[in-house]
Amino acid sequence: MTFLLRVVLPDRPGSLGAVASALGEAGADILGVDVVERADGSAVDDLTVELPSGRPPDVLITAAESVRGVQVESVRPYSGRLDTHRELELLDRIAGEPAHGLQLLAEEVPRLFRAGWALVAVREGQRSWRLAESSAAPETRAGDLPWLPLAKAIVIDPDEHWVPEPWRALDTELAAAPLGPASVMQVLVVGRPGGPAFRPSELARLSHLAGIVTTVLGA
């Protein structure tokens, strides 16, 4: 079975190699590595790891954290691929099918950000509703998103930003990025059930993607 392992490790030569060796000794096979961010002497990496059938994912945590200074942020089943061209491929598809651009964006963003779902919502007056959604987006009644419009991409904290109850389910981490100028009051929302939390580098990436899509669609 394949898992996505997010680790925080010292940003120094040999750290990732030591983690790879420890995982290999535990019977795991690393299929891919993606650097999420580097700052303040630490690196955050996503490792796509395959375990033999029947082995519990706990062995990945034990193995990785046996390396000094390494902390596992999360481990979860993963069926996608770490593929850096996906964003360019998505933008190319959106440019070719602008009438379906928002739906294409909602469908592909969960794969790009290792998330569970995504949706595009818009606010008009005191009412908000969705314009597009991925297949796993939670069902919600029409309501209001009073924190719109957004000036920049943010992590949505349900204690500070009202959201429908289904968005909070399964300890879902939430991020949002504006789609278009403030007058449009349109937003891309991404949900990651079970975490991990969205990092500043991921927010920046989400913001850039939303900005480019806005330009492509002429919104």
N, C-alpha and C. Protein backbone atom coordinates (compact mmCIF):
# COMPACT_ATOMS: atom_id res chain seq x y z
N MET A 1 0.84 -1.20 0.00
CA MET A 1 0.00 0.00 0.00
C MET A 1 0.88 1.25 0.00
N THR A 2 0.41 2.30 -0.65
CA THR A 2 1.19 3.52 -0.76
C THR A 2 0.70 4.57 0.23
N PHE A 3 1.65 5.26 0.86
CA PHE A 3 1.34 6.29 1.84
C PHE A 3 2.07 7.58 1.49
N LEU A 4 1.50 8.69 1.94
CA LEU A 4 2.17 9.98 1.84
C LEU A 4 2.63 10.36 3.23
N LEU A 5 3.93 10.49 3.39
CA LEU A 5 4.55 10.76 4.69
C LEU A 5 5.11 12.17 4.65
N ARG A 6 4.63 13.04 5.52
CA ARG A 6 5.19 14.39 5.61
C ARG A 6 6.13 14.45 6.80
N VAL A 7 7.38 14.82 6.53
CA VAL A 7 8.40 14.86 7.59
C VAL A 7 9.03 16.24 7.68
N VAL A 8 9.38 16.64 8.89
CA VAL A 8 10.16 17.85 9.14
C VAL A 8 11.53 17.37 9.59
N LEU A 9 12.56 17.80 8.90
CA LEU A 9 13.90 17.31 9.20
C LEU A 9 14.92 18.44 9.13
N PRO A 10 16.07 18.27 9.78
CA PRO A 10 17.11 19.30 9.71
C PRO A 10 17.55 19.50 8.27
N ASP A 11 17.67 20.75 7.86
CA ASP A 11 18.06 21.06 6.48
C ASP A 11 19.58 21.04 6.37
N ARG A 12 20.11 19.83 6.39
CA ARG A 12 21.56 19.67 6.26
C ARG A 12 21.84 18.41 5.46
N PRO A 13 23.00 18.34 4.82
CA PRO A 13 23.33 17.18 4.00
C PRO A 13 23.24 15.89 4.81
N GLY A 14 22.65 14.88 4.20
CA GLY A 14 22.58 13.57 4.82
C GLY A 14 21.31 13.28 5.57
N SER A 15 20.54 14.31 5.90
CA SER A 15 19.32 14.09 6.69
C SER A 15 18.31 13.23 5.94
N LEU A 16 18.03 13.61 4.69
CA LEU A 16 17.05 12.85 3.92
C LEU A 16 17.56 11.44 3.63
N GLY A 17 18.85 11.33 3.40
CA GLY A 17 19.43 10.00 3.16
C GLY A 17 19.30 9.10 4.38
N ALA A 18 19.47 9.68 5.57
CA ALA A 18 19.32 8.90 6.80
C ALA A 18 17.88 8.43 6.97
N VAL A 19 16.93 9.31 6.64
CA VAL A 19 15.52 8.92 6.72
C VAL A 19 15.22 7.80 5.71
N ALA A 20 15.75 7.96 4.50
CA ALA A 20 15.53 6.93 3.47
C ALA A 20 16.09 5.59 3.91
N SER A 21 17.26 5.60 4.52
CA SER A 21 17.86 4.35 4.99
C SER A 21 17.02 3.71 6.08
N ALA A 22 16.53 4.54 7.01
CA ALA A 22 15.71 4.02 8.11
C ALA A 22 14.41 3.42 7.58
N LEU A 23 13.81 4.09 6.60
CA LEU A 23 12.58 3.57 6.01
C LEU A 23 12.85 2.28 5.25
N GLY A 24 13.99 2.23 4.56
CA GLY A 24 14.34 1.01 3.83
C GLY A 24 14.53 -0.17 4.76
N GLU A 25 15.15 0.06 5.92
CA GLU A 25 15.34 -1.01 6.90
C GLU A 25 14.01 -1.51 7.46
N ALA A 26 12.99 -0.62 7.43
CA ALA A 26 11.66 -1.00 7.91
C ALA A 26 10.84 -1.69 6.83
N GLY A 27 11.43 -1.87 5.66
CA GLY A 27 10.74 -2.56 4.57
C GLY A 27 9.98 -1.65 3.63
N ALA A 28 10.17 -0.33 3.75
CA ALA A 28 9.45 0.62 2.91
C ALA A 28 10.29 0.98 1.67
N ASP A 29 9.59 1.29 0.60
CA ASP A 29 10.23 1.68 -0.65
C ASP A 29 9.80 3.10 -0.98
N ILE A 30 10.73 4.05 -1.09
CA ILE A 30 10.41 5.44 -1.40
C ILE A 30 10.21 5.58 -2.91
N LEU A 31 9.02 6.03 -3.30
CA LEU A 31 8.68 6.19 -4.71
C LEU A 31 8.91 7.60 -5.22
N GLY A 32 8.89 8.58 -4.31
CA GLY A 32 9.07 9.96 -4.74
C GLY A 32 9.26 10.89 -3.56
N VAL A 33 9.90 12.01 -3.80
CA VAL A 33 10.14 13.02 -2.77
C VAL A 33 9.76 14.38 -3.34
N ASP A 34 9.03 15.17 -2.56
CA ASP A 34 8.65 16.51 -2.98
C ASP A 34 8.98 17.46 -1.84
N VAL A 35 9.77 18.50 -2.11
CA VAL A 35 10.11 19.49 -1.10
C VAL A 35 8.95 20.47 -0.96
N VAL A 36 8.37 20.54 0.23
CA VAL A 36 7.25 21.45 0.49
C VAL A 36 7.77 22.83 0.80
N GLU A 37 8.74 22.93 1.72
CA GLU A 37 9.36 24.23 2.02
C GLU A 37 10.64 24.03 2.80
N ARG A 38 11.46 25.08 2.80
CA ARG A 38 12.69 25.11 3.59
C ARG A 38 12.76 26.47 4.27
N ALA A 39 13.00 26.46 5.58
CA ALA A 39 13.11 27.72 6.33
C ALA A 39 13.67 27.46 7.70
N ASP A 40 14.45 28.41 8.20
CA ASP A 40 14.96 28.37 9.59
C ASP A 40 15.69 27.08 9.92
N GLY A 41 16.47 26.59 8.97
CA GLY A 41 17.28 25.40 9.23
C GLY A 41 16.54 24.08 9.16
N SER A 42 15.27 24.11 8.77
CA SER A 42 14.49 22.88 8.66
C SER A 42 13.93 22.74 7.25
N ALA A 43 13.65 21.51 6.86
CA ALA A 43 13.01 21.24 5.58
C ALA A 43 11.75 20.42 5.85
N VAL A 44 10.73 20.67 5.06
CA VAL A 44 9.51 19.88 5.12
C VAL A 44 9.38 19.15 3.79
N ASP A 45 9.38 17.83 3.83
CA ASP A 45 9.31 17.02 2.62
C ASP A 45 8.11 16.08 2.66
N ASP A 46 7.52 15.87 1.50
CA ASP A 46 6.49 14.84 1.35
C ASP A 46 7.14 13.64 0.66
N LEU A 47 7.07 12.49 1.31
CA LEU A 47 7.63 11.26 0.76
C LEU A 47 6.50 10.32 0.37
N THR A 48 6.52 9.88 -0.87
CA THR A 48 5.58 8.84 -1.28
C THR A 48 6.25 7.51 -1.02
N VAL A 49 5.64 6.71 -0.16
CA VAL A 49 6.29 5.50 0.35
C VAL A 49 5.37 4.29 0.16
N GLU A 50 5.94 3.20 -0.30
CA GLU A 50 5.16 1.96 -0.46
C GLU A 50 5.57 0.96 0.61
N LEU A 51 4.57 0.39 1.27
CA LEU A 51 4.80 -0.63 2.29
C LEU A 51 4.27 -1.97 1.80
N PRO A 52 4.94 -3.07 2.15
CA PRO A 52 4.41 -4.39 1.81
C PRO A 52 3.03 -4.60 2.42
N SER A 53 2.20 -5.35 1.75
CA SER A 53 0.85 -5.62 2.23
C SER A 53 0.88 -6.18 3.65
N GLY A 54 0.00 -5.66 4.51
CA GLY A 54 -0.09 -6.17 5.87
C GLY A 54 0.73 -5.43 6.88
N ARG A 55 1.65 -4.58 6.43
CA ARG A 55 2.48 -3.82 7.37
C ARG A 55 1.75 -2.53 7.77
N PRO A 56 1.64 -2.23 9.07
CA PRO A 56 0.92 -1.03 9.50
C PRO A 56 1.74 0.23 9.23
N PRO A 57 1.06 1.36 8.95
CA PRO A 57 1.77 2.61 8.67
C PRO A 57 2.56 3.15 9.86
N ASP A 58 2.26 2.65 11.06
CA ASP A 58 3.00 3.11 12.24
C ASP A 58 4.50 2.86 12.10
N VAL A 59 4.86 1.82 11.34
CA VAL A 59 6.30 1.52 11.20
C VAL A 59 7.02 2.65 10.48
N LEU A 60 6.30 3.39 9.63
CA LEU A 60 6.91 4.52 8.93
C LEU A 60 7.26 5.63 9.91
N ILE A 61 6.36 5.89 10.84
CA ILE A 61 6.61 6.93 11.84
C ILE A 61 7.79 6.54 12.72
N THR A 62 7.77 5.29 13.20
CA THR A 62 8.85 4.82 14.07
C THR A 62 10.19 4.90 13.37
N ALA A 63 10.22 4.47 12.11
CA ALA A 63 11.48 4.45 11.37
C ALA A 63 11.99 5.86 11.11
N ALA A 64 11.11 6.75 10.62
CA ALA A 64 11.55 8.11 10.29
C ALA A 64 12.02 8.85 11.54
N GLU A 65 11.29 8.71 12.64
CA GLU A 65 11.63 9.46 13.85
C GLU A 65 12.78 8.82 14.63
N SER A 66 13.28 7.69 14.14
CA SER A 66 14.49 7.13 14.75
C SER A 66 15.72 7.95 14.36
N VAL A 67 15.57 8.77 13.32
CA VAL A 67 16.66 9.66 12.89
C VAL A 67 16.60 10.93 13.72
N ARG A 68 17.69 11.29 14.31
CA ARG A 68 17.73 12.45 15.21
C ARG A 68 17.25 13.73 14.51
N GLY A 69 16.35 14.44 15.19
CA GLY A 69 15.87 15.72 14.68
C GLY A 69 14.73 15.63 13.70
N VAL A 70 14.25 14.41 13.41
CA VAL A 70 13.17 14.23 12.42
C VAL A 70 11.84 14.08 13.14
N GLN A 71 10.84 14.76 12.62
CA GLN A 71 9.48 14.67 13.16
C GLN A 71 8.52 14.37 12.02
N VAL A 72 7.62 13.41 12.23
CA VAL A 72 6.60 13.08 11.25
C VAL A 72 5.36 13.93 11.53
N GLU A 73 4.96 14.73 10.55
CA GLU A 73 3.76 15.57 10.72
C GLU A 73 2.49 14.78 10.44
N SER A 74 2.55 13.90 9.44
CA SER A 74 1.36 13.12 9.11
C SER A 74 1.74 11.94 8.23
N VAL A 75 0.87 10.94 8.25
CA VAL A 75 1.00 9.80 7.33
C VAL A 75 -0.41 9.40 6.94
N ARG A 76 -0.63 9.25 5.65
CA ARG A 76 -1.97 8.89 5.20
C ARG A 76 -1.90 8.12 3.90
N PRO A 77 -2.90 7.30 3.62
CA PRO A 77 -2.93 6.55 2.35
C PRO A 77 -2.91 7.53 1.18
N TYR A 78 -2.27 7.12 0.12
CA TYR A 78 -2.12 8.01 -1.03
C TYR A 78 -2.17 7.22 -2.31
N SER A 79 -3.01 7.69 -3.25
CA SER A 79 -3.14 6.99 -4.52
C SER A 79 -2.71 7.85 -5.70
N GLY A 80 -2.26 9.09 -5.42
CA GLY A 80 -1.85 9.98 -6.49
C GLY A 80 -0.37 9.84 -6.80
N ARG A 81 0.12 10.81 -7.57
CA ARG A 81 1.53 10.84 -7.93
C ARG A 81 2.12 12.20 -7.60
N LEU A 82 3.38 12.21 -7.28
CA LEU A 82 4.08 13.48 -7.11
C LEU A 82 4.60 13.89 -8.49
N ASP A 83 3.89 14.84 -9.12
CA ASP A 83 4.18 15.16 -10.51
C ASP A 83 4.16 16.68 -10.68
N THR A 84 5.31 17.25 -10.88
CA THR A 84 5.39 18.70 -10.92
C THR A 84 4.81 19.31 -12.20
N HIS A 85 4.50 18.48 -13.26
CA HIS A 85 3.94 19.13 -14.44
C HIS A 85 2.44 19.30 -14.34
N ARG A 86 1.81 18.75 -13.32
CA ARG A 86 0.34 18.76 -13.26
C ARG A 86 -0.24 20.17 -13.31
N GLU A 87 0.42 21.14 -12.67
CA GLU A 87 -0.11 22.49 -12.70
C GLU A 87 -0.09 23.06 -14.11
N LEU A 88 1.00 22.83 -14.84
CA LEU A 88 1.07 23.32 -16.22
C LEU A 88 0.04 22.61 -17.09
N GLU A 89 -0.13 21.31 -16.88
CA GLU A 89 -1.13 20.57 -17.65
C GLU A 89 -2.53 21.09 -17.37
N LEU A 90 -2.81 21.40 -16.09
CA LEU A 90 -4.12 21.93 -15.72
C LEU A 90 -4.36 23.28 -16.39
N LEU A 91 -3.39 24.17 -16.33
CA LEU A 91 -3.54 25.48 -16.94
C LEU A 91 -3.76 25.37 -18.44
N ASP A 92 -3.08 24.41 -19.07
CA ASP A 92 -3.26 24.19 -20.50
C ASP A 92 -4.69 23.73 -20.80
N ARG A 93 -5.22 22.83 -19.97
CA ARG A 93 -6.59 22.35 -20.17
C ARG A 93 -7.61 23.47 -19.95
N ILE A 94 -7.37 24.29 -18.92
CA ILE A 94 -8.30 25.38 -18.64
C ILE A 94 -8.30 26.39 -19.79
N ALA A 95 -7.12 26.68 -20.33
CA ALA A 95 -7.04 27.61 -21.46
C ALA A 95 -7.77 27.06 -22.68
N GLY A 96 -7.75 25.74 -22.84
CA GLY A 96 -8.42 25.12 -23.98
C GLY A 96 -9.91 24.93 -23.79
N GLU A 97 -10.36 24.92 -22.52
CA GLU A 97 -11.79 24.73 -22.22
C GLU A 97 -12.24 25.76 -21.20
N PRO A 98 -12.18 27.04 -21.53
CA PRO A 98 -12.50 28.08 -20.53
C PRO A 98 -13.92 27.99 -19.98
N ALA A 99 -14.86 27.48 -20.75
CA ALA A 99 -16.23 27.36 -20.26
C ALA A 99 -16.33 26.39 -19.09
N HIS A 100 -15.39 25.46 -19.01
CA HIS A 100 -15.37 24.47 -17.92
C HIS A 100 -14.18 24.73 -16.98
N GLY A 101 -13.60 25.92 -17.07
CA GLY A 101 -12.37 26.19 -16.34
C GLY A 101 -12.48 26.03 -14.83
N LEU A 102 -13.54 26.56 -14.24
CA LEU A 102 -13.68 26.48 -12.79
C LEU A 102 -13.90 25.04 -12.33
N GLN A 103 -14.64 24.26 -13.11
CA GLN A 103 -14.86 22.87 -12.75
C GLN A 103 -13.56 22.07 -12.86
N LEU A 104 -12.79 22.33 -13.90
CA LEU A 104 -11.49 21.66 -14.04
C LEU A 104 -10.58 22.00 -12.87
N LEU A 105 -10.59 23.26 -12.47
CA LEU A 105 -9.77 23.70 -11.33
C LEU A 105 -10.17 22.96 -10.07
N ALA A 106 -11.48 22.91 -9.77
CA ALA A 106 -11.95 22.23 -8.57
C ALA A 106 -11.61 20.75 -8.57
N GLU A 107 -11.68 20.13 -9.72
CA GLU A 107 -11.41 18.69 -9.81
C GLU A 107 -9.93 18.36 -9.62
N GLU A 108 -9.05 19.24 -10.10
CA GLU A 108 -7.62 18.91 -10.10
C GLU A 108 -6.87 19.41 -8.88
N VAL A 109 -7.35 20.48 -8.24
CA VAL A 109 -6.63 21.03 -7.09
C VAL A 109 -6.39 20.00 -5.97
N PRO A 110 -7.35 19.12 -5.64
CA PRO A 110 -7.06 18.12 -4.59
C PRO A 110 -5.86 17.25 -4.92
N ARG A 111 -5.66 16.92 -6.18
CA ARG A 111 -4.48 16.11 -6.56
C ARG A 111 -3.20 16.93 -6.44
N LEU A 112 -3.28 18.18 -6.84
CA LEU A 112 -2.09 19.03 -6.79
C LEU A 112 -1.62 19.30 -5.37
N PHE A 113 -2.58 19.40 -4.43
CA PHE A 113 -2.24 19.77 -3.06
C PHE A 113 -2.44 18.63 -2.07
N ARG A 114 -2.53 17.40 -2.56
CA ARG A 114 -2.71 16.22 -1.69
C ARG A 114 -3.84 16.48 -0.70
N ALA A 115 -4.96 16.96 -1.22
CA ALA A 115 -6.11 17.29 -0.39
C ALA A 115 -7.26 16.34 -0.70
N GLY A 116 -8.34 16.49 0.08
CA GLY A 116 -9.48 15.61 -0.12
C GLY A 116 -10.51 16.17 -1.07
N TRP A 117 -10.65 17.51 -1.09
CA TRP A 117 -11.67 18.11 -1.94
C TRP A 117 -11.36 19.58 -2.18
N ALA A 118 -12.09 20.15 -3.14
CA ALA A 118 -11.98 21.58 -3.43
C ALA A 118 -13.30 22.05 -4.01
N LEU A 119 -13.56 23.34 -3.85
CA LEU A 119 -14.75 23.93 -4.46
C LEU A 119 -14.49 25.40 -4.73
N VAL A 120 -15.26 25.95 -5.65
CA VAL A 120 -15.23 27.37 -5.96
C VAL A 120 -16.57 27.95 -5.52
N ALA A 121 -16.53 28.99 -4.67
CA ALA A 121 -17.74 29.62 -4.16
C ALA A 121 -17.73 31.10 -4.49
N VAL A 122 -18.92 31.69 -4.51
CA VAL A 122 -19.05 33.11 -4.78
C VAL A 122 -20.04 33.70 -3.77
N ARG A 123 -19.85 34.94 -3.41
CA ARG A 123 -20.75 35.62 -2.48
C ARG A 123 -21.40 36.81 -3.16
N GLU A 124 -22.70 36.94 -2.96
CA GLU A 124 -23.44 38.09 -3.47
C GLU A 124 -24.42 38.52 -2.39
N GLY A 125 -24.27 39.73 -1.91
CA GLY A 125 -25.11 40.18 -0.81
C GLY A 125 -24.80 39.37 0.45
N GLN A 126 -25.81 38.79 1.06
CA GLN A 126 -25.65 37.98 2.27
C GLN A 126 -25.75 36.49 1.97
N ARG A 127 -25.54 36.12 0.73
CA ARG A 127 -25.68 34.72 0.35
C ARG A 127 -24.46 34.26 -0.44
N SER A 128 -24.02 33.03 -0.17
CA SER A 128 -22.90 32.44 -0.90
C SER A 128 -23.34 31.09 -1.46
N TRP A 129 -22.78 30.74 -2.59
CA TRP A 129 -23.08 29.43 -3.17
C TRP A 129 -21.89 28.97 -4.00
N ARG A 130 -21.87 27.68 -4.32
CA ARG A 130 -20.75 27.11 -5.06
C ARG A 130 -20.99 27.16 -6.56
N LEU A 131 -19.90 27.40 -7.28
CA LEU A 131 -19.94 27.42 -8.74
C LEU A 131 -19.37 26.15 -9.33
N ALA A 132 -18.49 25.49 -8.59
CA ALA A 132 -17.86 24.25 -9.06
C ALA A 132 -17.36 23.49 -7.85
N GLU A 133 -17.20 22.18 -7.99
CA GLU A 133 -16.76 21.37 -6.86
C GLU A 133 -16.12 20.08 -7.35
N SER A 134 -15.24 19.51 -6.53
CA SER A 134 -14.68 18.20 -6.82
C SER A 134 -15.65 17.13 -6.36
N SER A 135 -15.40 15.90 -6.72
CA SER A 135 -16.34 14.82 -6.43
C SER A 135 -16.52 14.58 -4.94
N ALA A 136 -15.51 14.85 -4.12
CA ALA A 136 -15.59 14.56 -2.69
C ALA A 136 -15.97 15.78 -1.86
N ALA A 137 -16.32 16.90 -2.49
CA ALA A 137 -16.67 18.10 -1.72
C ALA A 137 -17.90 17.83 -0.87
N PRO A 138 -17.89 18.30 0.38
CA PRO A 138 -19.03 18.03 1.28
C PRO A 138 -20.29 18.75 0.83
N GLU A 139 -21.43 18.10 1.06
CA GLU A 139 -22.72 18.73 0.76
C GLU A 139 -23.00 19.81 1.80
N THR A 140 -23.41 20.97 1.35
CA THR A 140 -23.75 22.05 2.28
C THR A 140 -24.96 22.80 1.76
N ARG A 141 -25.72 23.39 2.67
CA ARG A 141 -26.82 24.25 2.27
C ARG A 141 -26.29 25.63 1.91
N ALA A 142 -27.06 26.34 1.10
CA ALA A 142 -26.68 27.72 0.76
C ALA A 142 -26.65 28.55 2.03
N GLY A 143 -25.62 29.33 2.18
CA GLY A 143 -25.48 30.16 3.38
C GLY A 143 -24.70 31.40 3.05
N ASP A 144 -23.84 31.82 3.97
CA ASP A 144 -23.04 33.01 3.75
C ASP A 144 -21.61 32.74 4.17
N LEU A 145 -20.68 33.35 3.48
CA LEU A 145 -19.26 33.29 3.86
C LEU A 145 -18.85 34.73 4.15
N PRO A 146 -19.08 35.20 5.37
CA PRO A 146 -18.91 36.62 5.69
C PRO A 146 -17.48 37.12 5.60
N TRP A 147 -16.50 36.20 5.50
CA TRP A 147 -15.11 36.63 5.40
C TRP A 147 -14.69 36.95 3.96
N LEU A 148 -15.62 36.80 3.02
CA LEU A 148 -15.34 37.22 1.65
C LEU A 148 -15.66 38.71 1.51
N PRO A 149 -14.90 39.46 0.71
CA PRO A 149 -13.83 39.00 -0.17
C PRO A 149 -12.50 38.83 0.56
N LEU A 150 -11.59 38.08 -0.07
CA LEU A 150 -10.25 37.87 0.46
C LEU A 150 -9.24 38.73 -0.30
N ALA A 151 -8.26 39.23 0.42
CA ALA A 151 -7.19 39.99 -0.21
C ALA A 151 -6.04 39.09 -0.63
N LYS A 152 -5.94 37.92 0.04
CA LYS A 152 -4.84 37.00 -0.24
C LYS A 152 -5.24 35.60 0.22
N ALA A 153 -4.42 34.61 -0.11
CA ALA A 153 -4.69 33.24 0.32
C ALA A 153 -4.51 33.13 1.83
N ILE A 154 -5.40 32.38 2.47
CA ILE A 154 -5.35 32.23 3.92
C ILE A 154 -5.63 30.80 4.33
N VAL A 155 -5.21 30.46 5.55
CA VAL A 155 -5.68 29.25 6.21
C VAL A 155 -6.98 29.63 6.91
N ILE A 156 -8.04 28.87 6.67
CA ILE A 156 -9.32 29.16 7.28
C ILE A 156 -9.36 28.49 8.65
N ASP A 157 -9.51 29.29 9.67
CA ASP A 157 -9.65 28.80 11.04
C ASP A 157 -11.13 28.88 11.41
N PRO A 158 -11.80 27.72 11.56
CA PRO A 158 -13.24 27.74 11.87
C PRO A 158 -13.58 28.49 13.15
N ASP A 159 -12.59 28.68 14.03
CA ASP A 159 -12.86 29.46 15.24
C ASP A 159 -12.93 30.96 14.96
N GLU A 160 -12.36 31.37 13.83
CA GLU A 160 -12.36 32.78 13.45
C GLU A 160 -13.20 33.06 12.21
N HIS A 161 -13.28 32.09 11.30
CA HIS A 161 -14.01 32.25 10.05
C HIS A 161 -15.18 31.27 10.03
N TRP A 162 -16.39 31.80 9.96
CA TRP A 162 -17.54 30.88 9.93
C TRP A 162 -17.51 30.06 8.65
N VAL A 163 -17.70 28.75 8.78
CA VAL A 163 -17.83 27.85 7.63
C VAL A 163 -18.95 26.85 7.94
N PRO A 164 -19.56 26.26 6.91
CA PRO A 164 -20.58 25.23 7.16
C PRO A 164 -19.99 24.07 7.95
N GLU A 165 -20.80 23.49 8.80
CA GLU A 165 -20.33 22.40 9.66
C GLU A 165 -19.67 21.25 8.90
N PRO A 166 -20.20 20.83 7.73
CA PRO A 166 -19.55 19.71 7.02
C PRO A 166 -18.10 20.01 6.61
N TRP A 167 -17.75 21.30 6.49
CA TRP A 167 -16.37 21.62 6.15
C TRP A 167 -15.42 21.31 7.29
N ARG A 168 -15.95 21.27 8.52
CA ARG A 168 -15.12 21.02 9.69
C ARG A 168 -14.91 19.53 9.96
N ALA A 169 -15.73 18.69 9.34
CA ALA A 169 -15.74 17.26 9.66
C ALA A 169 -14.37 16.63 9.42
N LEU A 170 -14.10 15.57 10.19
CA LEU A 170 -12.87 14.76 10.03
C LEU A 170 -11.61 15.59 10.26
N ASP A 171 -11.69 16.60 11.15
CA ASP A 171 -10.52 17.44 11.43
C ASP A 171 -9.91 18.01 10.16
N THR A 172 -10.75 18.54 9.31
CA THR A 172 -10.31 19.03 8.01
C THR A 172 -9.56 20.35 8.12
N GLU A 173 -8.36 20.38 7.54
CA GLU A 173 -7.60 21.63 7.41
C GLU A 173 -8.11 22.34 6.17
N LEU A 174 -8.33 23.65 6.27
CA LEU A 174 -8.93 24.43 5.19
C LEU A 174 -8.02 25.57 4.75
N ALA A 175 -7.97 25.79 3.45
CA ALA A 175 -7.26 26.94 2.89
C ALA A 175 -8.12 27.54 1.80
N ALA A 176 -7.95 28.84 1.55
CA ALA A 176 -8.74 29.52 0.54
C ALA A 176 -7.90 30.56 -0.17
N ALA A 177 -8.19 30.78 -1.44
CA ALA A 177 -7.48 31.79 -2.22
C ALA A 177 -8.49 32.55 -3.08
N PRO A 178 -8.33 33.87 -3.21
CA PRO A 178 -9.27 34.64 -4.04
C PRO A 178 -9.12 34.31 -5.52
N LEU A 179 -10.25 34.33 -6.21
CA LEU A 179 -10.27 34.13 -7.66
C LEU A 179 -10.82 35.40 -8.29
N GLY A 180 -9.94 36.29 -8.67
CA GLY A 180 -10.39 37.54 -9.25
C GLY A 180 -10.29 38.69 -8.28
N PRO A 181 -10.64 39.90 -8.72
CA PRO A 181 -10.57 41.08 -7.84
C PRO A 181 -11.60 40.99 -6.73
N ALA A 182 -11.43 41.84 -5.70
CA ALA A 182 -12.31 41.80 -4.53
C ALA A 182 -13.77 42.02 -4.91
N SER A 183 -14.01 42.77 -5.97
CA SER A 183 -15.40 43.06 -6.36
C SER A 183 -16.14 41.80 -6.82
N VAL A 184 -15.38 40.79 -7.23
CA VAL A 184 -16.00 39.55 -7.71
C VAL A 184 -16.44 38.67 -6.55
N MET A 185 -15.72 38.73 -5.44
CA MET A 185 -16.01 37.94 -4.23
C MET A 185 -16.14 36.44 -4.55
N GLN A 186 -15.16 35.95 -5.25
CA GLN A 186 -15.11 34.55 -5.63
C GLN A 186 -13.89 33.91 -4.99
N VAL A 187 -14.00 32.65 -4.55
CA VAL A 187 -12.92 32.04 -3.78
C VAL A 187 -12.78 30.56 -4.12
N LEU A 188 -11.55 30.10 -4.08
CA LEU A 188 -11.23 28.68 -4.19
C LEU A 188 -10.96 28.16 -2.79
N VAL A 189 -11.69 27.14 -2.35
CA VAL A 189 -11.52 26.56 -1.02
C VAL A 189 -11.02 25.13 -1.17
N VAL A 190 -10.02 24.78 -0.37
CA VAL A 190 -9.43 23.44 -0.41
C VAL A 190 -9.52 22.80 0.96
N GLY A 191 -9.98 21.57 1.04
CA GLY A 191 -10.09 20.85 2.30
C GLY A 191 -9.18 19.64 2.35
N ARG A 192 -8.48 19.50 3.45
CA ARG A 192 -7.55 18.37 3.62
C ARG A 192 -7.96 17.62 4.90
N PRO A 193 -8.89 16.65 4.81
CA PRO A 193 -9.33 15.91 6.00
C PRO A 193 -8.18 15.21 6.69
N GLY A 194 -8.10 15.38 8.01
CA GLY A 194 -7.04 14.73 8.78
C GLY A 194 -5.70 15.41 8.72
N GLY A 195 -5.59 16.53 7.99
CA GLY A 195 -4.33 17.25 7.88
C GLY A 195 -3.40 16.64 6.85
N PRO A 196 -2.15 17.11 6.81
CA PRO A 196 -1.54 18.09 7.71
C PRO A 196 -2.00 19.53 7.39
N ALA A 197 -1.59 20.45 8.26
CA ALA A 197 -1.93 21.86 8.06
C ALA A 197 -1.28 22.40 6.80
N PHE A 198 -1.89 23.40 6.20
CA PHE A 198 -1.32 24.04 5.02
C PHE A 198 -0.15 24.93 5.44
N ARG A 199 0.98 24.74 4.78
CA ARG A 199 2.19 25.51 5.05
C ARG A 199 2.16 26.82 4.27
N PRO A 200 2.93 27.84 4.73
CA PRO A 200 2.98 29.11 3.99
C PRO A 200 3.37 28.94 2.52
N SER A 201 4.28 28.02 2.25
CA SER A 201 4.69 27.80 0.86
C SER A 201 3.54 27.23 0.03
N GLU A 202 2.69 26.42 0.66
CA GLU A 202 1.54 25.88 -0.06
C GLU A 202 0.50 26.97 -0.31
N LEU A 203 0.32 27.88 0.65
CA LEU A 203 -0.58 29.00 0.44
C LEU A 203 -0.10 29.87 -0.72
N ALA A 204 1.21 30.10 -0.77
CA ALA A 204 1.76 30.91 -1.86
C ALA A 204 1.52 30.23 -3.20
N ARG A 205 1.72 28.93 -3.24
CA ARG A 205 1.50 28.18 -4.47
C ARG A 205 0.03 28.22 -4.89
N LEU A 206 -0.86 28.07 -3.90
CA LEU A 206 -2.29 28.12 -4.18
C LEU A 206 -2.68 29.50 -4.71
N SER A 207 -2.11 30.55 -4.12
CA SER A 207 -2.39 31.91 -4.55
C SER A 207 -1.93 32.15 -5.98
N HIS A 208 -0.73 31.67 -6.31
CA HIS A 208 -0.21 31.85 -7.66
C HIS A 208 -1.08 31.12 -8.67
N LEU A 209 -1.48 29.89 -8.33
CA LEU A 209 -2.32 29.11 -9.24
C LEU A 209 -3.65 29.82 -9.47
N ALA A 210 -4.28 30.28 -8.39
CA ALA A 210 -5.57 30.97 -8.51
C ALA A 210 -5.42 32.24 -9.34
N GLY A 211 -4.32 32.97 -9.14
CA GLY A 211 -4.09 34.19 -9.91
C GLY A 211 -3.93 33.92 -11.39
N ILE A 212 -3.19 32.87 -11.73
CA ILE A 212 -2.98 32.54 -13.13
C ILE A 212 -4.29 32.09 -13.78
N VAL A 213 -5.06 31.28 -13.06
CA VAL A 213 -6.35 30.82 -13.58
C VAL A 213 -7.28 32.01 -13.81
N THR A 214 -7.27 32.97 -12.90
CA THR A 214 -8.09 34.18 -13.05
C THR A 214 -7.71 34.91 -14.34
N THR A 215 -6.41 35.01 -14.58
CA THR A 215 -5.94 35.70 -15.80
C THR A 215 -6.35 34.93 -17.05
N VAL A 216 -6.17 33.61 -17.01
CA VAL A 216 -6.51 32.76 -18.16
C VAL A 216 -8.00 32.87 -18.51
N LEU A 217 -8.85 32.90 -17.45
CA LEU A 217 -10.29 32.96 -17.68
C LEU A 217 -10.80 34.38 -17.89
N GLY A 218 -9.91 35.37 -17.68
CA GLY A 218 -10.33 36.75 -17.88
C GLY A 218 -11.31 37.24 -16.84
N ALA A 219 -11.26 36.62 -15.62
CA ALA A 219 -12.22 36.99 -14.58
C ALA A 219 -11.79 38.28 -13.91
